[in-house]
């Protein structure tokens, strides 16, 4: 079981910085490529959401990302000091509607839920804490 911790600034360019580190770490831990791709997408969606929507000012904020490998799964933990946001409260997008009339947003969180077996949120003081489990096995149906 391995552990990788990275602290990112609230800047979109930081996504490019974290990708090589997490791919190298997960590869060294023996995580299959298909799971690495899912973990990358989960992290990108959650970090980009925090960068775009969590902060009320233009000051630099830190977004902490932690990856932990366990037998046949990867645990992703992300925390930030942005405004409270529980991704579990995000309604599922109406995929049956034409894209022209569909409400904007919600697809990223929907993907995170589909790519993971578990998504937990807590508000700890002034920090959002999101914990996502990505299993090696095929994606499981989540409600």
C-alpha atoms as a PDB file:
ATOM      1  CA  UNK A   1       0.000   0.000   0.000  1.00  0.00           C
ATOM      2  CA  UNK A   2       1.401   3.306  -1.113  1.00  0.00           C
ATOM      3  CA  UNK A   3       0.612   6.947  -0.473  1.00  0.00           C
ATOM      4  CA  UNK A   4       1.020  10.071  -2.618  1.00  0.00           C
ATOM      5  CA  UNK A   5       0.217  13.575  -1.371  1.00  0.00           C
ATOM      6  CA  UNK A   6       0.180  16.624  -3.618  1.00  0.00           C
ATOM      7  CA  UNK A   7      -0.851  20.185  -2.807  1.00  0.00           C
ATOM      8  CA  UNK A   8      -2.139  22.241  -5.725  1.00  0.00           C
ATOM      9  CA  UNK A   9      -2.869  25.933  -6.142  1.00  0.00           C
ATOM     10  CA  UNK A  10      -6.347  26.874  -7.322  1.00  0.00           C
ATOM     11  CA  UNK A  11      -5.131  27.241 -10.912  1.00  0.00           C
ATOM     12  CA  UNK A  12      -6.290  25.094 -13.852  1.00  0.00           C
ATOM     13  CA  UNK A  13      -2.666  24.656 -14.991  1.00  0.00           C
ATOM     14  CA  UNK A  14      -2.016  22.626 -11.849  1.00  0.00           C
ATOM     15  CA  UNK A  15      -3.909  19.682 -13.383  1.00  0.00           C
ATOM     16  CA  UNK A  16      -1.105  19.221 -15.910  1.00  0.00           C
ATOM     17  CA  UNK A  17       1.402  19.221 -13.060  1.00  0.00           C
ATOM     18  CA  UNK A  18      -0.261  16.472 -11.055  1.00  0.00           C
ATOM     19  CA  UNK A  19      -0.941  14.049 -13.938  1.00  0.00           C
ATOM     20  CA  UNK A  20       2.637  12.741 -14.434  1.00  0.00           C
ATOM     21  CA  UNK A  21       3.123  12.291 -10.679  1.00  0.00           C
ATOM     22  CA  UNK A  22      -0.063  10.309 -10.209  1.00  0.00           C
ATOM     23  CA  UNK A  23       0.492   8.169 -13.325  1.00  0.00           C
ATOM     24  CA  UNK A  24       4.038   7.326 -12.170  1.00  0.00           C
ATOM     25  CA  UNK A  25       2.913   6.588  -8.617  1.00  0.00           C
ATOM     26  CA  UNK A  26      -0.043   4.406  -9.617  1.00  0.00           C
ATOM     27  CA  UNK A  27       2.042   2.574 -12.232  1.00  0.00           C
ATOM     28  CA  UNK A  28       4.717   1.783  -9.643  1.00  0.00           C
ATOM     29  CA  UNK A  29       1.961   0.521  -7.338  1.00  0.00           C
ATOM     30  CA  UNK A  30       0.800  -1.951 -10.007  1.00  0.00           C
ATOM     31  CA  UNK A  31      -2.521  -0.238 -10.711  1.00  0.00           C
ATOM     32  CA  UNK A  32      -3.880  -1.286 -14.135  1.00  0.00           C
ATOM     33  CA  UNK A  33      -3.879   1.374 -16.878  1.00  0.00           C
ATOM     34  CA  UNK A  34      -7.691   1.339 -17.151  1.00  0.00           C
ATOM     35  CA  UNK A  35      -7.964   2.157 -13.441  1.00  0.00           C
ATOM     36  CA  UNK A  36      -5.289   4.854 -13.705  1.00  0.00           C
ATOM     37  CA  UNK A  37      -7.423   6.505 -16.398  1.00  0.00           C
ATOM     38  CA  UNK A  38     -10.475   6.439 -14.138  1.00  0.00           C
ATOM     39  CA  UNK A  39      -8.520   7.853 -11.194  1.00  0.00           C
ATOM     40  CA  UNK A  40      -7.142  10.662 -13.375  1.00  0.00           C
ATOM     41  CA  UNK A  41     -10.636  11.586 -14.530  1.00  0.00           C
ATOM     42  CA  UNK A  42     -12.022  11.543 -10.976  1.00  0.00           C
ATOM     43  CA  UNK A  43      -9.232  13.819  -9.741  1.00  0.00           C
ATOM     44  CA  UNK A  44      -9.510  16.163 -12.708  1.00  0.00           C
ATOM     45  CA  UNK A  45     -13.272  16.574 -12.316  1.00  0.00           C
ATOM     46  CA  UNK A  46     -13.125  17.194  -8.562  1.00  0.00           C
ATOM     47  CA  UNK A  47     -10.131  19.547  -8.675  1.00  0.00           C
ATOM     48  CA  UNK A  48     -11.485  21.545 -11.627  1.00  0.00           C
ATOM     49  CA  UNK A  49     -14.834  21.919  -9.822  1.00  0.00           C
ATOM     50  CA  UNK A  50     -13.029  23.251  -6.755  1.00  0.00           C
ATOM     51  CA  UNK A  51     -10.930  25.669  -8.829  1.00  0.00           C
ATOM     52  CA  UNK A  52     -13.897  26.994 -10.802  1.00  0.00           C
ATOM     53  CA  UNK A  53     -16.602  27.165  -8.149  1.00  0.00           C
ATOM     54  CA  UNK A  54     -15.333  26.845  -4.571  1.00  0.00           C
ATOM     55  CA  UNK A  55     -13.608  30.137  -3.921  1.00  0.00           C
ATOM     56  CA  UNK A  56     -15.174  33.559  -3.388  1.00  0.00           C
ATOM     57  CA  UNK A  57     -11.993  35.522  -4.046  1.00  0.00           C
ATOM     58  CA  UNK A  58      -8.943  35.547  -6.314  1.00  0.00           C
ATOM     59  CA  UNK A  59      -6.464  34.714  -3.547  1.00  0.00           C
ATOM     60  CA  UNK A  60      -4.336  31.603  -3.827  1.00  0.00           C
ATOM     61  CA  UNK A  61      -5.904  28.622  -2.096  1.00  0.00           C
ATOM     62  CA  UNK A  62      -4.510  25.127  -1.616  1.00  0.00           C
ATOM     63  CA  UNK A  63      -6.276  21.995  -2.816  1.00  0.00           C
ATOM     64  CA  UNK A  64      -4.790  18.885  -1.238  1.00  0.00           C
ATOM     65  CA  UNK A  65      -4.920  15.607  -3.124  1.00  0.00           C
ATOM     66  CA  UNK A  66      -4.058  12.287  -1.509  1.00  0.00           C
ATOM     67  CA  UNK A  67      -3.920   8.924  -3.276  1.00  0.00           C
ATOM     68  CA  UNK A  68      -3.696   5.700  -1.327  1.00  0.00           C
ATOM     69  CA  UNK A  69      -3.477   2.283  -2.896  1.00  0.00           C
ATOM     70  CA  UNK A  70      -5.098  -0.670  -1.203  1.00  0.00           C
ATOM     71  CA  UNK A  71      -5.609  -4.189  -2.485  1.00  0.00           C
ATOM     72  CA  UNK A  72      -7.603  -3.887  -5.724  1.00  0.00           C
ATOM     73  CA  UNK A  73      -8.610  -0.253  -5.215  1.00  0.00           C
ATOM     74  CA  UNK A  74      -7.408   3.332  -5.041  1.00  0.00           C
ATOM     75  CA  UNK A  75      -8.660   5.820  -2.470  1.00  0.00           C
ATOM     76  CA  UNK A  76      -8.682   9.470  -3.579  1.00  0.00           C
ATOM     77  CA  UNK A  77      -9.052  12.160  -0.916  1.00  0.00           C
ATOM     78  CA  UNK A  78      -9.351  15.833  -1.840  1.00  0.00           C
ATOM     79  CA  UNK A  79      -9.779  18.744   0.513  1.00  0.00           C
ATOM     80  CA  UNK A  80     -10.073  22.498   0.032  1.00  0.00           C
ATOM     81  CA  UNK A  81     -11.085  25.588   1.990  1.00  0.00           C
ATOM     82  CA  UNK A  82     -13.796  26.671  -0.433  1.00  0.00           C
ATOM     83  CA  UNK A  83     -17.475  27.196   0.194  1.00  0.00           C
ATOM     84  CA  UNK A  84     -19.351  24.054   1.273  1.00  0.00           C
ATOM     85  CA  UNK A  85     -20.245  21.720  -1.585  1.00  0.00           C
ATOM     86  CA  UNK A  86     -21.478  18.169  -1.188  1.00  0.00           C
ATOM     87  CA  UNK A  87     -21.188  16.389  -4.560  1.00  0.00           C
ATOM     88  CA  UNK A  88     -23.716  13.801  -3.373  1.00  0.00           C
ATOM     89  CA  UNK A  89     -26.378  16.533  -3.423  1.00  0.00           C
ATOM     90  CA  UNK A  90     -25.859  17.159  -7.151  1.00  0.00           C
ATOM     91  CA  UNK A  91     -28.849  15.863  -9.121  1.00  0.00           C
ATOM     92  CA  UNK A  92     -28.171  13.414 -11.922  1.00  0.00           C
ATOM     93  CA  UNK A  93     -28.212  15.062 -15.345  1.00  0.00           C
ATOM     94  CA  UNK A  94     -31.194  14.353 -17.546  1.00  0.00           C
ATOM     95  CA  UNK A  95     -29.357  12.413 -20.218  1.00  0.00           C
ATOM     96  CA  UNK A  96     -32.523  11.655 -22.187  1.00  0.00           C
ATOM     97  CA  UNK A  97     -33.139  15.330 -22.952  1.00  0.00           C
ATOM     98  CA  UNK A  98     -31.632  16.955 -26.045  1.00  0.00           C
ATOM     99  CA  UNK A  99     -28.364  18.698 -25.189  1.00  0.00           C
ATOM    100  CA  UNK A 100     -29.807  22.025 -26.371  1.00  0.00           C
ATOM    101  CA  UNK A 101     -32.437  22.024 -23.595  1.00  0.00           C
ATOM    102  CA  UNK A 102     -30.489  20.228 -20.872  1.00  0.00           C
ATOM    103  CA  UNK A 103     -29.379  22.285 -17.864  1.00  0.00           C
ATOM    104  CA  UNK A 104     -25.706  23.161 -17.763  1.00  0.00           C
ATOM    105  CA  UNK A 105     -23.417  21.334 -15.366  1.00  0.00           C
ATOM    106  CA  UNK A 106     -23.595  18.137 -13.384  1.00  0.00           C
ATOM    107  CA  UNK A 107     -21.905  15.831 -15.882  1.00  0.00           C
ATOM    108  CA  UNK A 108     -18.541  15.859 -14.091  1.00  0.00           C
ATOM    109  CA  UNK A 109     -19.959  14.774 -10.746  1.00  0.00           C
ATOM    110  CA  UNK A 110     -22.129  12.221 -12.557  1.00  0.00           C
ATOM    111  CA  UNK A 111     -18.961  10.746 -14.119  1.00  0.00           C
ATOM    112  CA  UNK A 112     -17.176  10.684 -10.760  1.00  0.00           C
ATOM    113  CA  UNK A 113     -20.084   8.736  -9.277  1.00  0.00           C
ATOM    114  CA  UNK A 114     -20.123   6.293 -12.207  1.00  0.00           C
ATOM    115  CA  UNK A 115     -16.349   5.714 -12.073  1.00  0.00           C
ATOM    116  CA  UNK A 116     -16.258   5.050  -8.339  1.00  0.00           C
ATOM    117  CA  UNK A 117     -17.774   2.594  -5.915  1.00  0.00           C
ATOM    118  CA  UNK A 118     -18.050   5.108  -3.091  1.00  0.00           C
ATOM    119  CA  UNK A 119     -18.108   8.902  -2.734  1.00  0.00           C
ATOM    120  CA  UNK A 120     -18.159  10.483   0.724  1.00  0.00           C
ATOM    121  CA  UNK A 121     -18.266  14.152   1.659  1.00  0.00           C
ATOM    122  CA  UNK A 122     -17.721  15.847   4.998  1.00  0.00           C
ATOM    123  CA  UNK A 123     -17.348  19.450   6.040  1.00  0.00           C
ATOM    124  CA  UNK A 124     -14.617  19.669   8.668  1.00  0.00           C
ATOM    125  CA  UNK A 125     -14.462  23.194  10.066  1.00  0.00           C
ATOM    126  CA  UNK A 126     -13.753  25.382   7.046  1.00  0.00           C
ATOM    127  CA  UNK A 127     -12.694  22.517   4.766  1.00  0.00           C
ATOM    128  CA  UNK A 128     -14.487  20.341   2.256  1.00  0.00           C
ATOM    129  CA  UNK A 129     -13.298  16.745   2.347  1.00  0.00           C
ATOM    130  CA  UNK A 130     -14.222  14.381  -0.464  1.00  0.00           C
ATOM    131  CA  UNK A 131     -13.197  10.714  -0.407  1.00  0.00           C
ATOM    132  CA  UNK A 132     -13.681   8.546  -3.494  1.00  0.00           C
ATOM    133  CA  UNK A 133     -12.991   4.824  -3.859  1.00  0.00           C
ATOM    134  CA  UNK A 134     -12.071   3.533  -7.321  1.00  0.00           C
ATOM    135  CA  UNK A 135     -12.131  -0.263  -7.451  1.00  0.00           C
ATOM    136  CA  UNK A 136     -10.035  -2.263  -9.911  1.00  0.00           C
ATOM    137  CA  UNK A 137     -13.115  -4.290 -10.813  1.00  0.00           C
ATOM    138  CA  UNK A 138     -15.574  -3.065 -13.374  1.00  0.00           C
ATOM    139  CA  UNK A 139     -17.558   0.008 -12.555  1.00  0.00           C
ATOM    140  CA  UNK A 140     -20.488  -0.685 -10.293  1.00  0.00           C
ATOM    141  CA  UNK A 141     -23.935   0.811 -10.609  1.00  0.00           C
ATOM    142  CA  UNK A 142     -24.441   3.609  -8.106  1.00  0.00           C
ATOM    143  CA  UNK A 143     -27.638   5.297  -7.179  1.00  0.00           C
END
